Amino acid sequence: MSEPTASSGMSVANLDAVASAVRALNTELWALYAIGVLITCLRTYARIQSVGFRAFQADDFVIWLAIIVYTIQSTLAWFAVNYGQGLANNSMTDVERTVLNPNSEEYALRVFGSKIQVVGWTSYCCLIFTLKMAMLVFYTRLMDRLDERFRMRIWIGFILVGGTFFASIITIYAGCRPLQKYWQINPDPGNFCQGAIADPIVWVTFSSSVVTDIYLILIPLPILWGTTLKFGKKLGSTFVLGAGILVLICSVLKTLFVLVDPVNGAQLSGEWGTREAFTSVVTTNLPMLFPLFKSWISPFFHGSVWSKKVSYRDSVGFREIGGSDGNVKNGRKLPSAHQSSRTIPYSLNASDEHIVRENEGINLSL
């Protein structure tokens, strides 16, 4: 990282503060990234243990595509802080723009940082889109044997996620024309061409997050609470499938900082954007990790809340969240005495039990 010197007007104390802040940002960035990758590895391990590699579904591969994008985004964030020093073409007065020498190091850093902002927004949209697609593909497995009206909600989710993704990308690349104005320093290119704080990008990506996060949460939870699954398991499943609300909270904070703090808002927004990306990775993997975690802690809990001997009156049986797929184990189809029964691959039980439909059912309509 190229740091300013004391002769540039910054005191030694200020230089130390800047260096300390950069180290803290780097530590958080790569610590969160490492945890996110580790959790994805654990998810893959859990799926191999449950169904075998040959029985992997599309979401098991899409999640690793998301990790590639996550790697790109984290690297861009590192370059923005360590090489661009957090500078871009925003947070400048007209006088500062006029007097800044185009041949100076600061000018070059601001141009570099502004370009990083455009690519960073693009990678952010691609990451969130990929993670949500992985979750929707998981939902297709979760509800693949329910009535068509339930599967239709998932297809609507695909359309919604895809539509908001393209809307965000179009906003990024059509909101500022010509494109090179995104890294224009003087004259002021205007808010729409300041990538760090551009209102169209901020509002479109934020509204996309709100709409899609809430919709994804509402797909499985009403069905879950319409069953007679034990309360403890309903509660645990609600936490796992509703964890996306944490992503929404990060998105809200990221947006608020841009709107309320014109000076430091871009930097704070970037920090919360890093946390949002990490939270998105974790919550997308959580349904597949829950059976693994439960198998680790189940020897310590033998109460009725986690008992496997549960009587169901439901129209559908529940298997472990994200664990086995139907009657598949280690890539092979297992025999079942109830092949005509409609089941959901969904339960908090970490075994390969196959709870199937009985004659008595309930209404799962929302």
Protein backbone atom coordinates (compact mmCIF):
# COMPACT_ATOMS: atom_id res chain seq x y z
CA MET A 1 0.00 0.00 0.00
CA SER A 2 1.28 3.44 -0.89
CA GLU A 3 0.85 5.57 2.22
CA PRO A 4 1.07 9.34 2.50
CA THR A 5 4.14 10.69 4.18
CA ALA A 6 4.42 13.18 7.00
CA SER A 7 5.52 15.85 4.52
CA SER A 8 2.17 15.63 2.75
CA GLY A 9 0.50 17.30 5.70
CA MET A 10 -0.39 14.26 7.77
CA SER A 11 1.11 13.85 11.21
CA VAL A 12 2.84 10.68 12.30
CA ALA A 13 -0.11 9.98 14.60
CA ASN A 14 -2.51 10.29 11.69
CA LEU A 15 -0.37 7.97 9.58
CA ASP A 16 -0.38 5.41 12.38
CA ALA A 17 -4.17 5.69 12.67
CA VAL A 18 -4.60 5.15 8.94
CA ALA A 19 -2.25 2.16 8.95
CA SER A 20 -4.08 0.68 11.94
CA ALA A 21 -7.45 1.13 10.24
CA VAL A 22 -6.17 -0.56 7.08
CA ARG A 23 -4.84 -3.51 9.06
CA ALA A 24 -8.19 -3.86 10.84
CA LEU A 25 -10.07 -3.80 7.54
CA ASN A 26 -7.73 -6.37 6.01
CA THR A 27 -8.04 -8.64 9.03
CA GLU A 28 -11.82 -8.53 9.00
CA LEU A 29 -12.03 -8.94 5.23
CA TRP A 30 -9.88 -12.05 5.01
CA ALA A 31 -11.12 -13.54 8.28
CA LEU A 32 -14.70 -13.39 7.03
CA TYR A 33 -13.63 -14.72 3.63
CA ALA A 34 -11.79 -17.67 5.21
CA ILE A 35 -14.78 -18.53 7.39
CA GLY A 36 -17.12 -18.29 4.39
CA VAL A 37 -14.96 -20.68 2.35
CA LEU A 38 -14.60 -23.04 5.32
CA ILE A 39 -18.36 -23.13 5.81
CA THR A 40 -18.84 -23.92 2.12
CA CYS A 41 -16.31 -26.75 2.42
CA LEU A 42 -18.22 -28.10 5.41
CA ARG A 43 -21.47 -27.87 3.44
CA THR A 44 -19.90 -29.91 0.63
CA TYR A 45 -18.57 -32.43 3.15
CA ALA A 46 -22.02 -32.73 4.72
CA ARG A 47 -23.60 -33.39 1.32
CA ILE A 48 -20.99 -36.02 0.46
CA GLN A 49 -21.65 -37.73 3.78
CA SER A 50 -25.40 -37.59 3.19
CA VAL A 51 -25.91 -38.43 -0.47
CA GLY A 52 -22.48 -38.98 -2.03
CA PHE A 53 -20.82 -36.89 -4.71
CA ARG A 54 -22.61 -38.68 -7.56
CA ALA A 55 -25.96 -37.50 -6.20
CA PHE A 56 -24.99 -33.83 -5.99
CA GLN A 57 -27.64 -31.43 -7.22
CA ALA A 58 -27.26 -28.15 -9.12
CA ASP A 59 -27.09 -26.02 -5.97
CA ASP A 60 -24.11 -28.04 -4.72
CA PHE A 61 -22.16 -26.76 -7.73
CA VAL A 62 -23.69 -23.29 -7.96
CA ILE A 63 -22.50 -22.53 -4.44
CA TRP A 64 -18.89 -22.99 -5.56
CA LEU A 65 -19.50 -20.66 -8.49
CA ALA A 66 -20.62 -18.16 -5.85
CA ILE A 67 -17.37 -18.73 -3.94
CA ILE A 68 -15.39 -17.85 -7.07
CA VAL A 69 -17.33 -14.59 -7.32
CA TYR A 70 -16.89 -14.06 -3.58
CA THR A 71 -13.13 -14.42 -4.06
CA ILE A 72 -13.19 -11.79 -6.80
CA GLN A 73 -15.22 -9.40 -4.68
CA SER A 74 -12.97 -9.81 -1.65
CA THR A 75 -9.89 -9.25 -3.79
CA LEU A 76 -11.40 -6.09 -5.26
CA ALA A 77 -12.17 -4.82 -1.76
CA TRP A 78 -8.56 -5.47 -0.75
CA PHE A 79 -7.22 -3.57 -3.76
CA ALA A 80 -9.61 -0.67 -3.09
CA VAL A 81 -8.27 -0.28 0.44
CA ASN A 82 -4.60 -1.16 0.01
CA TYR A 83 -3.88 0.35 -3.38
CA GLY A 84 -6.71 2.83 -3.90
CA GLN A 85 -6.52 3.95 -0.25
CA GLY A 86 -10.31 4.12 -0.25
CA LEU A 87 -10.29 7.07 -2.66
CA ALA A 88 -12.67 7.56 -5.58
CA ASN A 89 -14.29 10.47 -7.42
CA ASN A 90 -16.77 11.16 -4.61
CA SER A 91 -16.51 13.30 -1.43
CA MET A 92 -14.75 16.19 -3.17
CA THR A 93 -15.64 19.88 -3.38
CA ASP A 94 -15.52 21.73 -6.68
CA VAL A 95 -12.41 23.57 -5.51
CA GLU A 96 -10.65 20.29 -4.64
CA ARG A 97 -11.49 18.91 -8.08
CA THR A 98 -10.15 22.01 -9.78
CA VAL A 99 -6.84 22.19 -7.95
CA LEU A 100 -6.08 18.45 -8.07
CA ASN A 101 -3.23 17.88 -10.51
CA PRO A 102 -4.13 15.22 -13.13
CA ASN A 103 -0.52 14.02 -12.91
CA SER A 104 -0.57 13.59 -9.15
CA GLU A 105 -0.65 10.32 -7.26
CA GLU A 106 -3.96 11.22 -5.61
CA TYR A 107 -5.58 11.77 -9.01
CA ALA A 108 -4.41 8.35 -10.20
CA LEU A 109 -5.64 6.73 -6.99
CA ARG A 110 -9.07 8.33 -7.33
CA VAL A 111 -9.39 7.12 -10.93
CA PHE A 112 -8.27 3.64 -9.87
CA GLY A 113 -10.70 3.58 -6.93
CA SER A 114 -13.58 4.76 -9.10
CA LYS A 115 -13.00 1.93 -11.57
CA ILE A 116 -12.87 -0.55 -8.70
CA GLN A 117 -16.26 0.74 -7.54
CA VAL A 118 -17.89 -0.13 -10.88
CA VAL A 119 -16.38 -3.62 -11.00
CA GLY A 120 -17.12 -4.08 -7.30
CA TRP A 121 -20.81 -3.30 -7.71
CA THR A 122 -20.92 -5.77 -10.61
CA SER A 123 -19.30 -8.56 -8.59
CA TYR A 124 -21.59 -7.81 -5.65
CA CYS A 125 -24.70 -8.20 -7.83
CA CYS A 126 -23.32 -11.41 -9.36
CA LEU A 127 -22.53 -12.85 -5.92
CA ILE A 128 -25.95 -12.13 -4.43
CA PHE A 129 -27.67 -13.40 -7.59
CA THR A 130 -25.68 -16.67 -7.56
CA LEU A 131 -26.31 -17.31 -3.87
CA LYS A 132 -30.03 -16.72 -4.21
CA MET A 133 -30.21 -18.98 -7.24
CA ALA A 134 -28.49 -21.69 -5.19
CA MET A 135 -31.11 -21.25 -2.47
CA LEU A 136 -33.97 -21.45 -4.97
CA VAL A 137 -32.54 -24.64 -6.48
CA PHE A 138 -32.42 -26.04 -2.95
CA TYR A 139 -36.07 -25.10 -2.53
CA THR A 140 -36.93 -27.13 -5.63
CA ARG A 141 -35.54 -30.16 -3.82
CA LEU A 142 -37.27 -29.17 -0.62
CA MET A 143 -40.69 -29.09 -2.26
CA ASP A 144 -40.26 -31.21 -5.37
CA ARG A 145 -43.15 -33.53 -4.44
CA LEU A 146 -45.63 -30.92 -3.32
CA ASP A 147 -48.53 -29.72 -5.42
CA GLU A 148 -47.82 -27.56 -8.45
CA ARG A 149 -49.02 -24.40 -6.71
CA PHE A 150 -46.15 -24.66 -4.23
CA ARG A 151 -43.56 -25.26 -6.92
CA MET A 152 -44.95 -22.27 -8.80
CA ARG A 153 -43.87 -20.02 -5.94
CA ILE A 154 -40.30 -21.18 -6.46
CA TRP A 155 -40.46 -20.45 -10.19
CA ILE A 156 -41.77 -17.00 -9.40
CA GLY A 157 -38.73 -16.65 -7.14
CA PHE A 158 -36.42 -17.50 -10.06
CA ILE A 159 -38.09 -14.81 -12.15
CA LEU A 160 -37.93 -12.28 -9.31
CA VAL A 161 -34.26 -12.92 -8.54
CA GLY A 162 -33.31 -12.91 -12.22
CA GLY A 163 -35.31 -9.76 -12.90
CA THR A 164 -33.82 -7.80 -10.00
CA PHE A 165 -30.33 -8.94 -10.99
CA PHE A 166 -30.68 -7.65 -14.54
CA ALA A 167 -32.27 -4.46 -13.25
CA SER A 168 -29.22 -3.88 -11.02
CA ILE A 169 -26.72 -4.58 -13.81
CA ILE A 170 -28.58 -2.30 -16.22
CA THR A 171 -28.63 0.43 -13.57
CA ILE A 172 -24.86 0.16 -13.07
CA TYR A 173 -23.97 0.36 -16.75
CA ALA A 174 -26.77 2.59 -18.03
CA GLY A 175 -27.08 4.98 -15.10
CA CYS A 176 -23.92 6.86 -16.06
CA ARG A 177 -23.23 7.59 -19.72
CA PRO A 178 -20.68 7.63 -21.15
CA LEU A 179 -19.20 4.95 -18.92
CA GLN A 180 -15.86 6.72 -18.41
CA LYS A 181 -17.60 9.44 -16.43
CA TYR A 182 -17.58 6.93 -13.57
CA TRP A 183 -13.89 7.81 -13.08
CA GLN A 184 -14.08 11.47 -14.10
CA ILE A 185 -12.63 13.80 -11.48
CA ASN A 186 -13.04 17.29 -12.92
CA PRO A 187 -15.59 18.61 -13.59
CA ASP A 188 -17.87 16.95 -11.09
CA PRO A 189 -19.59 14.09 -12.99
CA GLY A 190 -22.63 14.23 -10.69
CA ASN A 191 -24.06 11.76 -8.21
CA PHE A 192 -25.15 9.25 -10.85
CA CYS A 193 -21.50 8.85 -11.95
CA GLN A 194 -19.96 8.52 -8.50
CA GLY A 195 -20.05 4.75 -8.11
CA ALA A 196 -19.49 4.71 -4.37
CA ILE A 197 -22.60 6.76 -3.62
CA ALA A 198 -24.66 6.74 -6.85
CA ASP A 199 -28.32 6.99 -5.83
CA PRO A 200 -29.68 4.81 -8.69
CA ILE A 201 -27.30 1.95 -7.82
CA VAL A 202 -27.83 2.27 -4.08
CA TRP A 203 -31.62 2.31 -4.31
CA VAL A 204 -32.02 -0.36 -7.00
CA THR A 205 -29.70 -2.84 -5.29
CA PHE A 206 -31.26 -2.12 -1.91
CA SER A 207 -34.83 -2.56 -3.12
CA SER A 208 -33.78 -5.74 -4.94
CA SER A 209 -32.35 -7.12 -1.70
CA VAL A 210 -35.45 -6.25 0.30
CA VAL A 211 -37.88 -7.79 -2.18
CA THR A 212 -35.95 -10.98 -2.89
CA ASP A 213 -34.77 -11.62 0.69
CA ILE A 214 -38.29 -11.34 2.09
CA TYR A 215 -39.76 -13.43 -0.72
CA LEU A 216 -37.20 -16.21 -0.26
CA ILE A 217 -37.94 -16.33 3.46
CA LEU A 218 -41.69 -16.51 2.86
CA ILE A 219 -41.53 -19.46 0.46
CA PRO A 220 -40.90 -22.30 2.96
CA LEU A 221 -41.90 -20.91 6.36
CA PRO A 222 -45.70 -20.83 5.94
CA ILE A 223 -45.60 -24.44 4.76
CA LEU A 224 -43.38 -25.42 7.67
CA TRP A 225 -45.70 -23.88 10.27
CA GLY A 226 -48.70 -25.54 8.64
CA THR A 227 -47.38 -28.96 9.63
CA THR A 228 -47.58 -30.83 12.94
CA LEU A 229 -43.83 -31.06 13.25
CA LYS A 230 -42.74 -30.69 16.87
CA PHE A 231 -42.41 -27.10 18.04
CA GLY A 232 -38.68 -27.39 18.72
CA LYS A 233 -38.05 -28.61 15.20
CA LYS A 234 -40.26 -25.92 13.73
CA LEU A 235 -38.30 -23.33 15.67
CA GLY A 236 -34.96 -24.71 14.57
CA SER A 237 -36.10 -24.93 10.96
CA THR A 238 -37.41 -21.38 11.11
CA PHE A 239 -34.02 -20.14 12.29
CA VAL A 240 -32.23 -22.02 9.51
CA LEU A 241 -34.58 -21.03 6.69
CA GLY A 242 -35.22 -17.51 7.99
CA ALA A 243 -31.60 -16.58 8.56
CA GLY A 244 -31.75 -14.50 5.39
CA ILE A 245 -33.16 -11.70 7.53
CA LEU A 246 -29.58 -11.13 8.73
CA VAL A 247 -28.57 -10.38 5.15
CA LEU A 248 -31.37 -7.87 4.92
CA ILE A 249 -30.19 -6.13 8.10
CA CYS A 250 -26.67 -5.76 6.66
CA SER A 251 -28.13 -4.41 3.43
CA VAL A 252 -30.20 -1.84 5.34
CA LEU A 253 -27.18 -0.65 7.32
CA LYS A 254 -25.04 -0.47 4.19
CA THR A 255 -27.61 1.74 2.50
CA LEU A 256 -28.26 3.96 5.52
CA PHE A 257 -24.60 4.87 5.89
CA VAL A 258 -24.45 6.12 2.30
CA LEU A 259 -27.59 8.18 2.75
CA VAL A 260 -26.89 9.78 6.13
CA ASP A 261 -23.12 10.29 6.07
CA PRO A 262 -21.87 12.07 2.93
CA VAL A 263 -18.26 12.13 4.19
CA ASN A 264 -17.58 8.66 5.61
CA GLY A 265 -20.70 6.90 4.34
CA ALA A 266 -19.01 5.29 1.32
CA GLN A 267 -16.31 3.71 3.50
CA LEU A 268 -18.79 2.47 6.12
CA SER A 269 -21.07 1.18 3.39
CA GLY A 270 -18.17 -0.78 1.91
CA GLU A 271 -17.44 -2.36 5.28
CA TRP A 272 -21.05 -3.43 5.70
CA GLY A 273 -21.09 -4.65 2.11
CA THR A 274 -18.27 -7.03 3.06
CA ARG A 275 -20.30 -8.26 6.03
CA GLU A 276 -23.39 -8.63 3.87
CA ALA A 277 -21.51 -10.81 1.38
CA PHE A 278 -20.19 -13.00 4.21
CA THR A 279 -23.62 -13.30 5.83
CA SER A 280 -25.14 -14.24 2.48
CA VAL A 281 -22.62 -17.05 2.02
CA VAL A 282 -23.25 -18.38 5.54
CA THR A 283 -27.05 -18.27 5.40
CA THR A 284 -27.13 -19.95 1.99
CA ASN A 285 -25.05 -22.84 3.31
CA LEU A 286 -26.82 -23.12 6.66
CA PRO A 287 -29.67 -25.47 5.61
CA MET A 288 -27.13 -28.01 4.35
CA LEU A 289 -24.93 -27.61 7.44
CA PHE A 290 -27.66 -28.04 10.04
CA PRO A 291 -27.81 -31.87 9.82
CA LEU A 292 -24.02 -32.05 10.20
CA PHE A 293 -24.00 -29.76 13.23
CA LYS A 294 -26.91 -31.65 14.74
CA SER A 295 -25.07 -34.96 14.34
CA TRP A 296 -22.13 -33.46 16.24
CA ILE A 297 -24.21 -32.19 19.17
CA SER A 298 -26.98 -34.81 19.28
CA PRO A 299 -25.06 -37.13 21.66
CA PHE A 300 -25.37 -34.38 24.28
CA PHE A 301 -29.14 -33.91 23.88
CA HIS A 302 -31.60 -36.73 24.39
CA GLY A 303 -34.72 -34.74 25.21
CA SER A 304 -38.09 -35.02 23.51
CA VAL A 305 -37.46 -31.90 21.45
CA TRP A 306 -34.97 -33.76 19.25
CA SER A 307 -36.46 -37.22 19.52
CA LYS A 308 -36.74 -39.20 16.32
CA LYS A 309 -39.89 -40.91 17.49
CA VAL A 310 -42.33 -38.30 16.33
CA SER A 311 -45.88 -38.89 15.20
CA TYR A 312 -46.84 -36.94 12.08
CA ARG A 313 -50.29 -36.12 10.81
CA ASP A 314 -48.94 -34.11 7.91
CA SER A 315 -49.70 -34.46 4.26
CA VAL A 316 -45.98 -34.63 3.74
CA GLY A 317 -43.07 -36.18 5.60
CA PHE A 318 -40.01 -34.18 6.51
CA ARG A 319 -36.39 -35.16 6.03
CA GLU A 320 -33.30 -33.38 7.26
CA ILE A 321 -32.78 -29.84 6.00
CA GLY A 322 -30.55 -30.09 2.97
CA GLY A 323 -29.34 -33.54 3.91
CA SER A 324 -30.59 -36.49 1.90
CA ASP A 325 -32.55 -36.20 -1.33
CA GLY A 326 -35.50 -38.52 -1.18
CA ASN A 327 -34.28 -42.12 -1.06
CA VAL A 328 -30.76 -41.36 -2.22
CA LYS A 329 -27.75 -42.42 -0.20
CA ASN A 330 -24.16 -42.27 -1.45
CA GLY A 331 -25.37 -41.78 -4.99
CA ARG A 332 -27.63 -44.88 -5.00
CA LYS A 333 -31.39 -45.11 -4.89
CA LEU A 334 -32.65 -46.79 -1.75
CA PRO A 335 -35.75 -48.98 -1.77
CA SER A 336 -38.93 -47.68 -0.24
CA ALA A 337 -42.20 -49.36 0.59
CA HIS A 338 -44.05 -46.12 -0.13
CA GLN A 339 -42.88 -45.12 -3.60
CA SER A 340 -46.24 -43.54 -4.37
CA SER A 341 -46.13 -41.29 -1.30
CA ARG A 342 -45.39 -37.60 -1.71
CA THR A 343 -42.51 -36.54 0.50
CA ILE A 344 -40.33 -33.54 1.09
CA PRO A 345 -36.58 -34.07 1.62
CA TYR A 346 -36.76 -32.15 4.85
CA SER A 347 -36.26 -32.95 8.50
CA LEU A 348 -34.08 -32.10 11.44
CA ASN A 349 -33.29 -35.77 11.92
CA ALA A 350 -29.74 -36.66 10.87
CA SER A 351 -30.61 -40.29 10.11
CA ASP A 352 -31.75 -41.78 6.80
CA GLU A 353 -35.22 -42.49 8.06
CA HIS A 354 -37.94 -41.96 5.49
CA ILE A 355 -41.07 -40.55 7.11
CA VAL A 356 -43.90 -40.81 4.62
CA ARG A 357 -47.43 -39.65 4.23
CA GLU A 358 -50.20 -41.30 6.20
CA ASN A 359 -53.88 -41.37 5.28
CA GLU A 360 -54.71 -38.35 7.40
CA GLY A 361 -53.50 -34.98 6.05
CA ILE A 362 -53.61 -31.28 6.68
CA ASN A 363 -54.22 -28.26 4.50
CA LEU A 364 -50.94 -26.64 3.39
CA SER A 365 -52.60 -23.82 1.50
CA LEU A 366 -51.35 -20.36 2.43
